[in-house]
């Protein structure tokens, strides 16, 4: 799931906060009430302009949590062009572990 915001918001913390809030609301509405046996990891992104952050949905608390590849800190902001190799690794990990 991807929540996109316009590039003019990328320098504002409120742009990220708004994206995270919208993502949390959407995922809570669509995944928050799943029976426990149907729960699989749900990864999501907030993209503002060419910047991106990765999240993982927390079913129990109905919120999104900062997420990072194993060995990388969670909550990093990635540049979609400059960090393209790492971004591909993130996508590959999610594909293999969802």
PDB file of N, CA and C in Angstrom:
ATOM      1  N   UNK A   1       0.856  -1.162   0.000  1.00  0.00           N
ATOM      2  CA  UNK A   1       0.000   0.000   0.000  1.00  0.00           C
ATOM      3  C   UNK A   1       0.901   1.222   0.000  1.00  0.00           C
ATOM      4  N   UNK A   2       0.603   2.175  -0.873  1.00  0.00           N
ATOM      5  CA  UNK A   2       1.414   3.397  -0.974  1.00  0.00           C
ATOM      6  C   UNK A   2       0.521   4.605  -0.793  1.00  0.00           C
ATOM      7  N   UNK A   3       0.943   5.511   0.056  1.00  0.00           N
ATOM      8  CA  UNK A   3       0.273   6.804   0.235  1.00  0.00           C
ATOM      9  C   UNK A   3       1.214   7.855  -0.335  1.00  0.00           C
ATOM     10  N   UNK A   4       0.798   8.565  -1.370  1.00  0.00           N
ATOM     11  CA  UNK A   4       1.647   9.563  -2.036  1.00  0.00           C
ATOM     12  C   UNK A   4       1.184  10.971  -1.693  1.00  0.00           C
ATOM     13  N   UNK A   5       2.155  11.851  -1.532  1.00  0.00           N
ATOM     14  CA  UNK A   5       1.886  13.262  -1.272  1.00  0.00           C
ATOM     15  C   UNK A   5       2.726  14.083  -2.259  1.00  0.00           C
ATOM     16  N   UNK A   6       2.300  15.314  -2.503  1.00  0.00           N
ATOM     17  CA  UNK A   6       3.017  16.157  -3.467  1.00  0.00           C
ATOM     18  C   UNK A   6       4.384  16.568  -2.926  1.00  0.00           C
ATOM     19  N   UNK A   7       5.290  16.826  -3.855  1.00  0.00           N
ATOM     20  CA  UNK A   7       6.690  17.106  -3.524  1.00  0.00           C
ATOM     21  C   UNK A   7       6.840  18.330  -2.632  1.00  0.00           C
ATOM     22  N   UNK A   8       5.972  19.307  -2.744  1.00  0.00           N
ATOM     23  CA  UNK A   8       6.104  20.520  -1.942  1.00  0.00           C
ATOM     24  C   UNK A   8       5.981  20.249  -0.435  1.00  0.00           C
ATOM     25  N   UNK A   9       5.464  19.077  -0.062  1.00  0.00           N
ATOM     26  CA  UNK A   9       5.319  18.740   1.356  1.00  0.00           C
ATOM     27  C   UNK A   9       6.528  18.006   1.929  1.00  0.00           C
ATOM     28  N   UNK A  10       7.522  17.658   1.103  1.00  0.00           N
ATOM     29  CA  UNK A  10       8.585  16.793   1.604  1.00  0.00           C
ATOM     30  C   UNK A  10       9.470  17.453   2.649  1.00  0.00           C
ATOM     31  N   UNK A  11       9.553  18.751   2.688  1.00  0.00           N
ATOM     32  CA  UNK A  11      10.383  19.420   3.690  1.00  0.00           C
ATOM     33  C   UNK A  11       9.621  19.683   4.988  1.00  0.00           C
ATOM     34  N   UNK A  12       8.325  19.415   4.996  1.00  0.00           N
ATOM     35  CA  UNK A  12       7.509  19.692   6.177  1.00  0.00           C
ATOM     36  C   UNK A  12       7.227  18.414   6.959  1.00  0.00           C
ATOM     37  N   UNK A  13       7.515  18.417   8.255  1.00  0.00           N
ATOM     38  CA  UNK A  13       7.149  17.240   9.072  1.00  0.00           C
ATOM     39  C   UNK A  13       5.651  16.930   8.994  1.00  0.00           C
ATOM     40  N   UNK A  14       4.832  17.960   8.819  1.00  0.00           N
ATOM     41  CA  UNK A  14       3.385  17.744   8.754  1.00  0.00           C
ATOM     42  C   UNK A  14       2.991  16.936   7.521  1.00  0.00           C
ATOM     43  N   UNK A  15       3.763  17.019   6.447  1.00  0.00           N
ATOM     44  CA  UNK A  15       3.487  16.211   5.256  1.00  0.00           C
ATOM     45  C   UNK A  15       3.646  14.735   5.554  1.00  0.00           C
ATOM     46  N   UNK A  16       4.722  14.379   6.263  1.00  0.00           N
ATOM     47  CA  UNK A  16       4.935  12.983   6.646  1.00  0.00           C
ATOM     48  C   UNK A  16       3.858  12.528   7.627  1.00  0.00           C
ATOM     49  N   UNK A  17       3.550  13.394   8.588  1.00  0.00           N
ATOM     50  CA  UNK A  17       2.542  13.056   9.596  1.00  0.00           C
ATOM     51  C   UNK A  17       1.182  12.817   8.933  1.00  0.00           C
ATOM     52  N   UNK A  18       0.820  13.669   8.006  1.00  0.00           N
ATOM     53  CA  UNK A  18      -0.454  13.504   7.302  1.00  0.00           C
ATOM     54  C   UNK A  18      -0.481  12.195   6.514  1.00  0.00           C
ATOM     55  N   UNK A  19       0.610  11.893   5.833  1.00  0.00           N
ATOM     56  CA  UNK A  19       0.691  10.637   5.082  1.00  0.00           C
ATOM     57  C   UNK A  19       0.560   9.421   5.986  1.00  0.00           C
ATOM     58  N   UNK A  20       1.248   9.442   7.118  1.00  0.00           N
ATOM     59  CA  UNK A  20       1.185   8.331   8.074  1.00  0.00           C
ATOM     60  C   UNK A  20      -0.227   8.199   8.641  1.00  0.00           C
ATOM     61  N   UNK A  21      -0.857   9.318   8.972  1.00  0.00           N
ATOM     62  CA  UNK A  21      -2.223   9.270   9.507  1.00  0.00           C
ATOM     63  C   UNK A  21      -3.206   8.691   8.491  1.00  0.00           C
ATOM     64  N   UNK A  22      -3.087   9.096   7.230  1.00  0.00           N
ATOM     65  CA  UNK A  22      -3.972   8.571   6.190  1.00  0.00           C
ATOM     66  C   UNK A  22      -3.724   7.089   5.972  1.00  0.00           C
ATOM     67  N   UNK A  23      -2.473   6.701   5.996  1.00  0.00           N
ATOM     68  CA  UNK A  23      -2.120   5.293   5.827  1.00  0.00           C
ATOM     69  C   UNK A  23      -2.664   4.458   6.978  1.00  0.00           C
ATOM     70  N   UNK A  24      -2.513   4.949   8.192  1.00  0.00           N
ATOM     71  CA  UNK A  24      -3.021   4.243   9.373  1.00  0.00           C
ATOM     72  C   UNK A  24      -4.534   4.075   9.280  1.00  0.00           C
ATOM     73  N   UNK A  25      -5.225   5.124   8.902  1.00  0.00           N
ATOM     74  CA  UNK A  25      -6.687   5.053   8.798  1.00  0.00           C
ATOM     75  C   UNK A  25      -7.106   4.030   7.750  1.00  0.00           C
ATOM     76  N   UNK A  26      -6.470   4.077   6.589  1.00  0.00           N
ATOM     77  CA  UNK A  26      -6.809   3.137   5.517  1.00  0.00           C
ATOM     78  C   UNK A  26      -6.554   1.694   5.954  1.00  0.00           C
ATOM     79  N   UNK A  27      -5.378   1.441   6.523  1.00  0.00           N
ATOM     80  CA  UNK A  27      -5.046   0.068   6.915  1.00  0.00           C
ATOM     81  C   UNK A  27      -5.909  -0.417   8.072  1.00  0.00           C
ATOM     82  N   UNK A  28      -6.255   0.460   8.992  1.00  0.00           N
ATOM     83  CA  UNK A  28      -7.156   0.067  10.079  1.00  0.00           C
ATOM     84  C   UNK A  28      -8.531  -0.300   9.530  1.00  0.00           C
ATOM     85  N   UNK A  29      -9.004   0.465   8.555  1.00  0.00           N
ATOM     86  CA  UNK A  29     -10.307   0.190   7.950  1.00  0.00           C
ATOM     87  C   UNK A  29     -10.310  -1.102   7.145  1.00  0.00           C
ATOM     88  N   UNK A  30      -9.206  -1.399   6.471  1.00  0.00           N
ATOM     89  CA  UNK A  30      -9.180  -2.558   5.565  1.00  0.00           C
ATOM     90  C   UNK A  30      -8.575  -3.812   6.173  1.00  0.00           C
ATOM     91  N   UNK A  31      -7.700  -3.670   7.162  1.00  0.00           N
ATOM     92  CA  UNK A  31      -7.004  -4.839   7.708  1.00  0.00           C
ATOM     93  C   UNK A  31      -7.178  -5.006   9.217  1.00  0.00           C
ATOM     94  N   UNK A  32      -7.672  -3.999   9.890  1.00  0.00           N
ATOM     95  CA  UNK A  32      -7.705  -4.003  11.350  1.00  0.00           C
ATOM     96  C   UNK A  32      -8.577  -5.056  11.995  1.00  0.00           C
ATOM     97  N   UNK A  33      -9.551  -5.547  11.290  1.00  0.00           N
ATOM     98  CA  UNK A  33     -10.482  -6.499  11.893  1.00  0.00           C
ATOM     99  C   UNK A  33     -10.336  -7.913  11.329  1.00  0.00           C
ATOM    100  N   UNK A  34      -9.227  -8.189  10.689  1.00  0.00           N
ATOM    101  CA  UNK A  34      -9.030  -9.516  10.106  1.00  0.00           C
ATOM    102  C   UNK A  34      -8.939 -10.569  11.203  1.00  0.00           C
ATOM    103  N   UNK A  35      -9.542 -11.735  10.964  1.00  0.00           N
ATOM    104  CA  UNK A  35      -9.352 -12.834  11.923  1.00  0.00           C
ATOM    105  C   UNK A  35      -7.863 -13.160  12.035  1.00  0.00           C
ATOM    106  N   UNK A  36      -7.463 -13.573  13.213  1.00  0.00           N
ATOM    107  CA  UNK A  36      -6.038 -13.790  13.471  1.00  0.00           C
ATOM    108  C   UNK A  36      -5.410 -14.793  12.498  1.00  0.00           C
ATOM    109  N   UNK A  37      -6.157 -15.803  12.065  1.00  0.00           N
ATOM    110  CA  UNK A  37      -5.599 -16.807  11.158  1.00  0.00           C
ATOM    111  C   UNK A  37      -5.394 -16.268   9.738  1.00  0.00           C
ATOM    112  N   UNK A  38      -5.955 -15.102   9.429  1.00  0.00           N
ATOM    113  CA  UNK A  38      -5.776 -14.505   8.109  1.00  0.00           C
ATOM    114  C   UNK A  38      -4.707 -13.413   8.096  1.00  0.00           C
ATOM    115  N   UNK A  39      -4.141 -13.153   9.252  1.00  0.00           N
ATOM    116  CA  UNK A  39      -3.190 -12.042   9.342  1.00  0.00           C
ATOM    117  C   UNK A  39      -1.830 -12.417   8.756  1.00  0.00           C
ATOM    118  N   UNK A  40      -1.416 -11.626   7.820  1.00  0.00           N
ATOM    119  CA  UNK A  40      -0.076 -11.714   7.237  1.00  0.00           C
ATOM    120  C   UNK A  40       0.515 -10.316   7.314  1.00  0.00           C
ATOM    121  N   UNK A  41       1.813 -10.201   7.293  1.00  0.00           N
ATOM    122  CA  UNK A  41       2.410  -8.862   7.362  1.00  0.00           C
ATOM    123  C   UNK A  41       1.910  -7.962   6.232  1.00  0.00           C
ATOM    124  N   UNK A  42       1.610  -6.727   6.573  1.00  0.00           N
ATOM    125  CA  UNK A  42       1.223  -5.726   5.587  1.00  0.00           C
ATOM    126  C   UNK A  42       2.255  -4.602   5.659  1.00  0.00           C
ATOM    127  N   UNK A  43       2.975  -4.419   4.576  1.00  0.00           N
ATOM    128  CA  UNK A  43       3.979  -3.366   4.475  1.00  0.00           C
ATOM    129  C   UNK A  43       3.382  -2.217   3.679  1.00  0.00           C
ATOM    130  N   UNK A  44       3.855  -1.017   3.969  1.00  0.00           N
ATOM    131  CA  UNK A  44       3.310   0.141   3.281  1.00  0.00           C
ATOM    132  C   UNK A  44       4.380   1.219   3.168  1.00  0.00           C
ATOM    133  N   UNK A  45       4.096   2.186   2.322  1.00  0.00           N
ATOM    134  CA  UNK A  45       5.035   3.273   2.043  1.00  0.00           C
ATOM    135  C   UNK A  45       4.297   4.603   2.092  1.00  0.00           C
ATOM    136  N   UNK A  46       5.007   5.618   2.549  1.00  0.00           N
ATOM    137  CA  UNK A  46       4.570   6.990   2.344  1.00  0.00           C
ATOM    138  C   UNK A  46       5.640   7.608   1.454  1.00  0.00           C
ATOM    139  N   UNK A  47       5.203   8.131   0.320  1.00  0.00           N
ATOM    140  CA  UNK A  47       6.116   8.772  -0.628  1.00  0.00           C
ATOM    141  C   UNK A  47       5.721  10.233  -0.769  1.00  0.00           C
ATOM    142  N   UNK A  48       6.711  11.092  -0.628  1.00  0.00           N
ATOM    143  CA  UNK A  48       6.503  12.526  -0.834  1.00  0.00           C
ATOM    144  C   UNK A  48       7.567  12.966  -1.824  1.00  0.00           C
ATOM    145  N   UNK A  49       7.114  13.365  -2.996  1.00  0.00           N
ATOM    146  CA  UNK A  49       8.061  13.691  -4.049  1.00  0.00           C
ATOM    147  C   UNK A  49       8.889  12.465  -4.369  1.00  0.00           C
ATOM    148  N   UNK A  50      10.211  12.572  -4.261  1.00  0.00           N
ATOM    149  CA  UNK A  50      11.105  11.440  -4.532  1.00  0.00           C
ATOM    150  C   UNK A  50      11.619  10.791  -3.252  1.00  0.00           C
ATOM    151  N   UNK A  51      11.011  11.133  -2.128  1.00  0.00           N
ATOM    152  CA  UNK A  51      11.411  10.557  -0.844  1.00  0.00           C
ATOM    153  C   UNK A  51      10.372   9.547  -0.384  1.00  0.00           C
ATOM    154  N   UNK A  52      10.832   8.543   0.371  1.00  0.00           N
ATOM    155  CA  UNK A  52       9.937   7.465   0.784  1.00  0.00           C
ATOM    156  C   UNK A  52      10.334   6.946   2.160  1.00  0.00           C
ATOM    157  N   UNK A  53       9.321   6.569   2.941  1.00  0.00           N
ATOM    158  CA  UNK A  53       9.526   5.856   4.199  1.00  0.00           C
ATOM    159  C   UNK A  53       8.729   4.569   4.147  1.00  0.00           C
ATOM    160  N   UNK A  54       9.199   3.550   4.883  1.00  0.00           N
ATOM    161  CA  UNK A  54       8.571   2.228   4.867  1.00  0.00           C
ATOM    162  C   UNK A  54       7.975   1.942   6.244  1.00  0.00           C
ATOM    163  N   UNK A  55       6.794   1.306   6.235  1.00  0.00           N
ATOM    164  CA  UNK A  55       6.078   0.976   7.456  1.00  0.00           C
ATOM    165  C   UNK A  55       5.584  -0.460   7.397  1.00  0.00           C
ATOM    166  N   UNK A  56       5.298  -0.996   8.578  1.00  0.00           N
ATOM    167  CA  UNK A  56       4.666  -2.305   8.695  1.00  0.00           C
ATOM    168  C   UNK A  56       3.454  -2.125   9.583  1.00  0.00           C
ATOM    169  N   UNK A  57       2.332  -2.686   9.167  1.00  0.00           N
ATOM    170  CA  UNK A  57       1.093  -2.532   9.914  1.00  0.00           C
ATOM    171  C   UNK A  57       1.099  -3.424  11.145  1.00  0.00           C
ATOM    172  N   UNK A  58       0.737  -2.856  12.285  1.00  0.00           N
ATOM    173  CA  UNK A  58       0.619  -3.575  13.556  1.00  0.00           C
ATOM    174  C   UNK A  58      -0.857  -3.893  13.765  1.00  0.00           C
ATOM    175  N   UNK A  59      -1.254  -5.142  13.462  1.00  0.00           N
ATOM    176  CA  UNK A  59      -2.655  -5.565  13.567  1.00  0.00           C
ATOM    177  C   UNK A  59      -3.225  -5.336  14.961  1.00  0.00           C
ATOM    178  N   UNK A  60      -2.477  -5.740  15.964  1.00  0.00           N
ATOM    179  CA  UNK A  60      -2.987  -5.706  17.334  1.00  0.00           C
ATOM    180  C   UNK A  60      -3.341  -4.293  17.784  1.00  0.00           C
ATOM    181  N   UNK A  61      -2.491  -3.333  17.440  1.00  0.00           N
ATOM    182  CA  UNK A  61      -2.700  -1.947  17.867  1.00  0.00           C
ATOM    183  C   UNK A  61      -3.315  -1.065  16.786  1.00  0.00           C
ATOM    184  N   UNK A  62      -3.564  -1.643  15.608  1.00  0.00           N
ATOM    185  CA  UNK A  62      -4.153  -0.930  14.477  1.00  0.00           C
ATOM    186  C   UNK A  62      -3.415   0.374  14.175  1.00  0.00           C
ATOM    187  N   UNK A  63      -2.103   0.245  13.972  1.00  0.00           N
ATOM    188  CA  UNK A  63      -1.286   1.406  13.627  1.00  0.00           C
ATOM    189  C   UNK A  63      -0.141   0.953  12.730  1.00  0.00           C
ATOM    190  N   UNK A  64       0.516   1.908  12.106  1.00  0.00           N
ATOM    191  CA  UNK A  64       1.698   1.571  11.324  1.00  0.00           C
ATOM    192  C   UNK A  64       2.935   1.894  12.149  1.00  0.00           C
ATOM    193  N   UNK A  65       3.951   1.060  11.987  1.00  0.00           N
ATOM    194  CA  UNK A  65       5.224   1.234  12.687  1.00  0.00           C
ATOM    195  C   UNK A  65       6.323   1.450  11.668  1.00  0.00           C
ATOM    196  N   UNK A  66       7.278   2.300  12.004  1.00  0.00           N
ATOM    197  CA  UNK A  66       8.447   2.438  11.139  1.00  0.00           C
ATOM    198  C   UNK A  66       9.054   1.068  10.922  1.00  0.00           C
ATOM    199  N   UNK A  67       9.538   0.824   9.709  1.00  0.00           N
ATOM    200  CA  UNK A  67      10.119  -0.478   9.405  1.00  0.00           C
ATOM    201  C   UNK A  67      11.376  -0.269   8.574  1.00  0.00           C
ATOM    202  N   UNK A  68      12.332  -1.165   8.754  1.00  0.00           N
ATOM    203  CA  UNK A  68      13.548  -1.167   7.949  1.00  0.00           C
ATOM    204  C   UNK A  68      13.983  -2.587   7.695  1.00  0.00           C
ATOM    205  N   UNK A  69      14.745  -2.781   6.650  1.00  0.00           N
ATOM    206  CA  UNK A  69      15.304  -4.102   6.375  1.00  0.00           C
ATOM    207  C   UNK A  69      16.089  -4.584   7.585  1.00  0.00           C
ATOM    208  N   UNK A  70      16.125  -5.890   7.821  1.00  0.00           N
ATOM    209  CA  UNK A  70      16.989  -6.402   8.892  1.00  0.00           C
ATOM    210  C   UNK A  70      18.418  -5.871   8.710  1.00  0.00           C
ATOM    211  N   UNK A  71      18.962  -5.335   9.771  1.00  0.00           N
ATOM    212  CA  UNK A  71      20.310  -4.762   9.720  1.00  0.00           C
ATOM    213  C   UNK A  71      20.327  -3.272   9.408  1.00  0.00           C
ATOM    214  N   UNK A  72      19.175  -2.696   9.085  1.00  0.00           N
ATOM    215  CA  UNK A  72      19.062  -1.267   8.814  1.00  0.00           C
ATOM    216  C   UNK A  72      18.114  -0.658   9.843  1.00  0.00           C
ATOM    217  N   UNK A  73      18.343   0.602  10.201  1.00  0.00           N
ATOM    218  CA  UNK A  73      17.430   1.228  11.161  1.00  0.00           C
ATOM    219  C   UNK A  73      16.052   1.438  10.540  1.00  0.00           C
ATOM    220  N   UNK A  74      15.030   1.377  11.368  1.00  0.00           N
ATOM    221  CA  UNK A  74      13.684   1.669  10.888  1.00  0.00           C
ATOM    222  C   UNK A  74      13.482   3.182  10.896  1.00  0.00           C
ATOM    223  N   UNK A  75      12.559   3.641  10.057  1.00  0.00           N
ATOM    224  CA  UNK A  75      12.244   5.066  10.012  1.00  0.00           C
ATOM    225  C   UNK A  75      13.106   5.882   9.082  1.00  0.00           C
ATOM    226  N   UNK A  76      14.021   5.232   8.363  1.00  0.00           N
ATOM    227  CA  UNK A  76      14.847   5.974   7.417  1.00  0.00           C
ATOM    228  C   UNK A  76      13.994   6.576   6.314  1.00  0.00           C
ATOM    229  N   UNK A  77      14.449   7.691   5.793  1.00  0.00           N
ATOM    230  CA  UNK A  77      13.841   8.290   4.604  1.00  0.00           C
ATOM    231  C   UNK A  77      14.773   7.962   3.440  1.00  0.00           C
ATOM    232  N   UNK A  78      14.206   7.352   2.410  1.00  0.00           N
ATOM    233  CA  UNK A  78      14.979   6.935   1.244  1.00  0.00           C
ATOM    234  C   UNK A  78      14.657   7.812   0.048  1.00  0.00           C
ATOM    235  N   UNK A  79      15.666   8.061  -0.775  1.00  0.00           N
ATOM    236  CA  UNK A  79      15.485   8.786  -2.030  1.00  0.00           C
ATOM    237  C   UNK A  79      15.273   7.744  -3.122  1.00  0.00           C
ATOM    238  N   UNK A  80      14.181   7.867  -3.864  1.00  0.00           N
ATOM    239  CA  UNK A  80      13.812   6.833  -4.832  1.00  0.00           C
ATOM    240  C   UNK A  80      14.814   6.662  -5.966  1.00  0.00           C
ATOM    241  N   UNK A  81      15.612   7.680  -6.253  1.00  0.00           N
ATOM    242  CA  UNK A  81      16.626   7.557  -7.304  1.00  0.00           C
ATOM    243  C   UNK A  81      17.982   7.207  -6.695  1.00  0.00           C
ATOM    244  N   UNK A  82      18.419   7.991  -5.722  1.00  0.00           N
ATOM    245  CA  UNK A  82      19.751   7.784  -5.133  1.00  0.00           C
ATOM    246  C   UNK A  82      19.859   6.468  -4.367  1.00  0.00           C
ATOM    247  N   UNK A  83      18.764   6.000  -3.791  1.00  0.00           N
ATOM    248  CA  UNK A  83      18.758   4.756  -3.007  1.00  0.00           C
ATOM    249  C   UNK A  83      18.058   3.626  -3.757  1.00  0.00           C
ATOM    250  N   UNK A  84      18.152   3.640  -5.081  1.00  0.00           N
ATOM    251  CA  UNK A  84      17.397   2.676  -5.888  1.00  0.00           C
ATOM    252  C   UNK A  84      17.764   1.225  -5.604  1.00  0.00           C
ATOM    253  N   UNK A  85      19.022   0.934  -5.340  1.00  0.00           N
ATOM    254  CA  UNK A  85      19.429  -0.449  -5.060  1.00  0.00           C
ATOM    255  C   UNK A  85      18.814  -0.912  -3.734  1.00  0.00           C
ATOM    256  N   UNK A  86      18.896  -0.072  -2.724  1.00  0.00           N
ATOM    257  CA  UNK A  86      18.306  -0.410  -1.429  1.00  0.00           C
ATOM    258  C   UNK A  86      16.781  -0.519  -1.535  1.00  0.00           C
ATOM    259  N   UNK A  87      16.175   0.384  -2.291  1.00  0.00           N
ATOM    260  CA  UNK A  87      14.734   0.327  -2.489  1.00  0.00           C
ATOM    261  C   UNK A  87      14.330  -1.001  -3.135  1.00  0.00           C
ATOM    262  N   UNK A  88      15.105  -1.467  -4.104  1.00  0.00           N
ATOM    263  CA  UNK A  88      14.817  -2.762  -4.728  1.00  0.00           C
ATOM    264  C   UNK A  88      14.973  -3.897  -3.722  1.00  0.00           C
ATOM    265  N   UNK A  89      15.958  -3.797  -2.837  1.00  0.00           N
ATOM    266  CA  UNK A  89      16.132  -4.813  -1.803  1.00  0.00           C
ATOM    267  C   UNK A  89      14.932  -4.835  -0.854  1.00  0.00           C
ATOM    268  N   UNK A  90      14.397  -3.668  -0.537  1.00  0.00           N
ATOM    269  CA  UNK A  90      13.212  -3.582   0.317  1.00  0.00           C
ATOM    270  C   UNK A  90      12.038  -4.270  -0.361  1.00  0.00           C
ATOM    271  N   UNK A  91      11.818  -3.965  -1.634  1.00  0.00           N
ATOM    272  CA  UNK A  91      10.724  -4.592  -2.376  1.00  0.00           C
ATOM    273  C   UNK A  91      10.898  -6.110  -2.470  1.00  0.00           C
ATOM    274  N   UNK A  92      12.122  -6.565  -2.709  1.00  0.00           N
ATOM    275  CA  UNK A  92      12.393  -8.008  -2.783  1.00  0.00           C
ATOM    276  C   UNK A  92      12.119  -8.681  -1.443  1.00  0.00           C
ATOM    277  N   UNK A  93      12.520  -8.026  -0.339  1.00  0.00           N
ATOM    278  CA  UNK A  93      12.281  -8.584   0.984  1.00  0.00           C
ATOM    279  C   UNK A  93      10.772  -8.721   1.244  1.00  0.00           C
ATOM    280  N   UNK A  94      10.052  -7.653   0.934  1.00  0.00           N
ATOM    281  CA  UNK A  94       8.595  -7.677   1.157  1.00  0.00           C
ATOM    282  C   UNK A  94       7.947  -8.764   0.333  1.00  0.00           C
ATOM    283  N   UNK A  95       8.346  -8.908  -0.919  1.00  0.00           N
ATOM    284  CA  UNK A  95       7.773  -9.943  -1.775  1.00  0.00           C
ATOM    285  C   UNK A  95       8.017 -11.334  -1.179  1.00  0.00           C
ATOM    286  N   UNK A  96       9.182 -11.543  -0.608  1.00  0.00           N
ATOM    287  CA  UNK A  96       9.541 -12.852  -0.065  1.00  0.00           C
ATOM    288  C   UNK A  96       8.971 -13.108   1.344  1.00  0.00           C
ATOM    289  N   UNK A  97       8.504 -12.072   2.012  1.00  0.00           N
ATOM    290  CA  UNK A  97       8.112 -12.223   3.426  1.00  0.00           C
ATOM    291  C   UNK A  97       6.736 -11.668   3.761  1.00  0.00           C
ATOM    292  N   UNK A  98       5.821 -11.692   2.856  1.00  0.00           N
ATOM    293  CA  UNK A  98       4.471 -11.196   3.183  1.00  0.00           C
ATOM    294  C   UNK A  98       3.470 -12.325   3.232  1.00  0.00           C
TER     295      UNK A  98
END
